[in-house]
Protein backbone atom coordinates (compact mmCIF):
# COMPACT_ATOMS: atom_id res chain seq x y z
CA MET A 1 -95.87 21.94 -6.88
CA PRO A 2 -97.37 24.29 -9.59
CA GLU A 3 -95.85 23.72 -12.92
CA ASN A 4 -94.52 27.17 -13.19
CA THR A 5 -92.83 27.13 -9.78
CA ARG A 6 -88.93 27.69 -10.19
CA VAL A 7 -86.89 25.35 -8.14
CA LEU A 8 -83.14 24.53 -7.55
CA VAL A 9 -82.01 21.14 -6.77
CA LEU A 10 -79.14 19.56 -5.15
CA HIS A 11 -78.26 15.99 -5.43
CA SER A 12 -76.65 13.81 -2.67
CA PRO A 13 -73.59 11.70 -3.28
CA ALA A 14 -74.57 9.58 -0.28
CA GLY A 15 -77.81 8.85 -1.88
CA SER A 16 -80.06 10.83 0.50
CA GLU A 17 -83.03 12.70 -0.60
CA HIS A 18 -82.42 15.68 -2.99
CA VAL A 19 -82.53 19.14 -1.29
CA THR A 20 -84.92 21.40 -3.23
CA TYR A 21 -85.12 25.10 -3.05
CA LYS A 22 -87.78 27.37 -4.45
CA TRP A 23 -87.02 30.41 -6.32
CA PRO A 24 -86.78 33.31 -5.27
CA LEU A 25 -84.50 32.11 -2.73
CA HIS A 26 -84.93 33.34 0.87
CA ARG A 27 -82.61 36.11 2.21
CA SER A 28 -82.77 37.87 5.31
CA ASP A 29 -80.21 39.18 7.97
CA ASN A 30 -79.62 35.74 9.40
CA TRP A 31 -80.42 33.21 6.51
CA ASP A 32 -79.37 33.59 2.93
CA GLU A 33 -80.26 30.53 0.70
CA ALA A 34 -78.08 31.17 -2.08
CA HIS A 35 -75.02 31.16 0.37
CA GLU A 36 -76.50 28.04 1.86
CA ILE A 37 -76.33 26.31 -1.55
CA VAL A 38 -72.79 27.33 -2.05
CA GLU A 39 -71.67 26.19 1.47
CA THR A 40 -73.55 22.97 1.07
CA ILE A 41 -71.64 22.19 -2.15
CA ARG A 42 -68.29 23.24 -0.59
CA TRP A 43 -68.93 21.12 2.86
CA VAL A 44 -70.16 18.17 0.89
CA CYS A 45 -66.76 18.32 -1.31
CA CYS A 46 -64.94 18.08 1.94
CA ASP A 47 -66.45 14.91 2.87
CA PHE A 48 -66.34 13.50 -0.72
CA PRO A 49 -62.82 14.37 -1.90
CA GLU A 50 -63.48 12.76 -5.41
CA LEU A 51 -65.86 15.60 -6.08
CA LYS A 52 -63.63 18.55 -4.88
CA LEU A 53 -61.49 19.01 -7.74
CA ALA A 54 -64.30 19.00 -10.44
CA VAL A 55 -66.62 21.24 -8.16
CA GLU A 56 -63.82 23.79 -7.46
CA ASN A 57 -62.62 24.11 -10.99
CA TYR A 58 -65.93 23.67 -13.03
CA VAL A 59 -69.06 24.31 -10.58
CA LEU A 60 -68.13 27.11 -8.25
CA ASN A 61 -65.94 29.04 -10.61
CA GLN A 62 -68.80 31.54 -11.76
CA PHE A 63 -72.27 32.26 -10.58
CA ASP A 64 -74.57 35.16 -9.80
CA PRO A 65 -76.77 34.39 -6.57
CA LYS A 66 -79.38 36.83 -7.72
CA CYS A 67 -79.83 34.98 -11.00
CA TYR A 68 -82.11 31.98 -11.46
CA GLU A 69 -80.62 30.85 -14.57
CA SER A 70 -77.11 31.33 -13.01
CA MET A 71 -77.95 29.47 -9.68
CA LYS A 72 -79.76 26.68 -11.69
CA GLN A 73 -76.68 26.12 -14.01
CA LEU A 74 -74.41 25.82 -10.80
CA CYS A 75 -76.87 23.42 -9.52
CA GLU A 76 -76.96 21.32 -12.66
CA ARG A 77 -73.13 21.31 -12.98
CA TYR A 78 -72.90 20.35 -9.31
CA ASN A 79 -75.49 17.42 -9.87
CA ARG A 80 -73.78 16.31 -12.92
CA ALA A 81 -70.64 15.90 -10.87
CA VAL A 82 -72.36 14.04 -8.16
CA ASP A 83 -74.20 11.78 -10.56
CA ASN A 84 -70.95 10.95 -12.58
CA ILE A 85 -69.19 9.95 -9.14
CA LYS A 86 -72.08 7.96 -8.21
CA LYS A 87 -71.83 6.13 -11.57
CA LEU A 88 -68.11 5.36 -10.78
CA TRP A 89 -68.86 3.89 -7.61
CA SER A 90 -71.60 1.55 -9.08
CA GLY A 91 -70.79 -2.10 -9.11
CA ARG A 92 -68.03 -1.85 -6.67
CA GLN A 93 -67.66 -1.41 -3.03
CA PRO A 94 -68.76 2.04 -2.00
CA PRO A 95 -66.00 4.55 -0.66
CA PRO A 96 -65.69 4.57 3.21
CA CYS A 97 -67.44 7.99 3.42
CA ILE A 98 -70.61 6.76 2.32
CA ASP A 99 -71.25 4.60 5.46
CA ALA A 100 -69.48 7.10 7.75
CA PRO A 101 -71.32 9.70 9.50
CA PRO A 102 -70.69 13.37 8.12
CA SER A 103 -67.89 15.41 9.21
CA ILE A 104 -68.30 17.72 12.23
CA PRO A 105 -68.29 20.96 9.97
CA LEU A 106 -70.79 19.32 7.51
CA LEU A 107 -72.97 18.23 10.33
CA LYS A 108 -72.85 21.71 11.71
CA HIS A 109 -73.79 23.01 8.37
CA ILE A 110 -76.76 20.51 8.18
CA MET A 111 -77.89 21.37 11.62
CA THR A 112 -77.80 25.00 11.00
CA GLN A 113 -80.06 24.44 7.56
CA VAL A 114 -82.55 22.38 9.72
CA TYR A 115 -82.91 24.86 12.43
CA ASN A 116 -83.23 27.80 9.88
CA ARG A 117 -86.24 25.86 8.43
CA ALA A 118 -87.75 24.54 11.49
CA VAL A 119 -87.57 27.62 13.78
CA THR A 120 -88.96 30.41 11.89
CA ASN A 121 -89.06 32.85 14.92
CA PRO A 122 -86.36 32.04 17.30
CA GLU A 123 -86.99 35.00 19.58
CA ALA A 124 -90.40 33.31 20.51
CA LEU A 125 -88.46 30.43 22.06
CA ASN A 126 -87.40 32.81 24.75
CA SER A 127 -90.70 34.59 25.55
CA TYR A 128 -91.39 33.32 28.91
CA GLU A 129 -91.93 34.60 32.27
CA PRO A 130 -88.74 35.15 34.30
CA PHE A 131 -88.37 32.50 37.28
CA SER A 132 -90.97 30.23 35.75
CA PRO A 133 -90.68 26.58 34.81
CA GLU A 134 -90.95 27.69 31.08
CA VAL A 135 -87.54 28.55 30.60
CA TYR A 136 -85.98 27.60 27.17
CA GLY A 137 -82.15 27.30 26.60
CA GLU A 138 -80.46 25.83 23.69
CA THR A 139 -77.46 23.55 24.11
CA SER A 140 -74.84 24.69 21.48
CA PHE A 141 -73.74 22.39 18.69
CA ASP A 142 -70.02 22.52 20.05
CA LEU A 143 -70.99 21.41 23.66
CA VAL A 144 -73.12 18.38 22.16
CA THR A 145 -69.96 17.49 19.97
CA GLN A 146 -67.87 17.57 23.20
CA ILE A 147 -70.25 15.41 25.25
CA VAL A 148 -70.52 12.91 22.33
CA ALA A 149 -66.66 12.59 22.21
CA GLN A 150 -66.07 12.45 25.96
CA THR A 151 -68.63 9.93 26.68
CA LYS A 152 -67.48 7.82 23.54
CA MET A 153 -71.05 7.16 22.73
CA THR A 154 -71.77 4.28 20.17
CA GLU A 155 -74.52 3.21 17.88
CA ASN A 156 -75.73 0.62 20.17
CA GLU A 157 -76.61 3.13 22.94
CA VAL A 158 -79.89 5.00 23.44
CA LEU A 159 -80.20 8.89 24.04
CA LEU A 160 -83.03 10.37 25.97
CA ASP A 161 -83.32 14.15 26.10
CA LEU A 162 -85.64 15.32 28.60
CA GLY A 163 -86.82 18.91 27.74
CA SER A 164 -85.55 18.36 24.29
CA GLY A 165 -86.79 21.74 22.93
CA VAL A 166 -86.82 21.82 19.12
CA GLY A 167 -84.84 18.73 19.19
CA GLN A 168 -81.52 19.84 18.07
CA VAL A 169 -79.58 17.41 20.75
CA VAL A 170 -81.51 14.55 19.49
CA LEU A 171 -80.95 15.26 15.71
CA GLN A 172 -77.23 15.89 16.22
CA VAL A 173 -76.33 12.93 18.24
CA ALA A 174 -78.46 10.59 15.86
CA ALA A 175 -76.62 12.04 12.90
CA ALA A 176 -73.16 11.99 14.64
CA VAL A 177 -73.33 8.69 16.40
CA GLY A 178 -76.27 6.56 14.81
CA CYS A 179 -77.67 5.49 17.91
CA LYS A 180 -81.53 5.54 18.88
CA CYS A 181 -82.45 9.17 20.12
CA TYR A 182 -85.56 10.27 21.74
CA GLY A 183 -86.75 13.72 22.70
CA ILE A 184 -89.45 14.52 25.18
CA GLU A 185 -90.87 18.00 25.22
CA LYS A 186 -93.84 19.07 27.02
């Protein structure tokens, strides 16, 4: 990345890779990265209650989504809270939330982020000739959640998604269950 590129970084309390956003943030009718950053922080706090109080009182109290310095300070305050919580956890058994799959709302938020980055032109997915074998249809997040719950899938099973499209089902099941998942798309 060029030295003069401005970025915003969010740390993960679970030890995953940092998420990096390039400034200026993307904003369109169906995707606003400033909103995404704030919502990511809120959803992470739901899965990591130790962060919630500090974040609600000191991180999300004031920011301007159109100002780089303001958003940078927001991310830095959040990252300090995450780093301090991780220090508290070091040297002792990690809290149960570290080894658990994300909550359904956090997973839905993550899946939306992935989709927004991976599928830059969703309308193009549906440009097929009617009644041809090229039909594209997406399985909703909520339906996949129901399927996982009703089938009682475990990490010892394997999912094979034939006609996996952009791979949403594969990613969601892998994250929710922890099993091996494969997608096959023409």
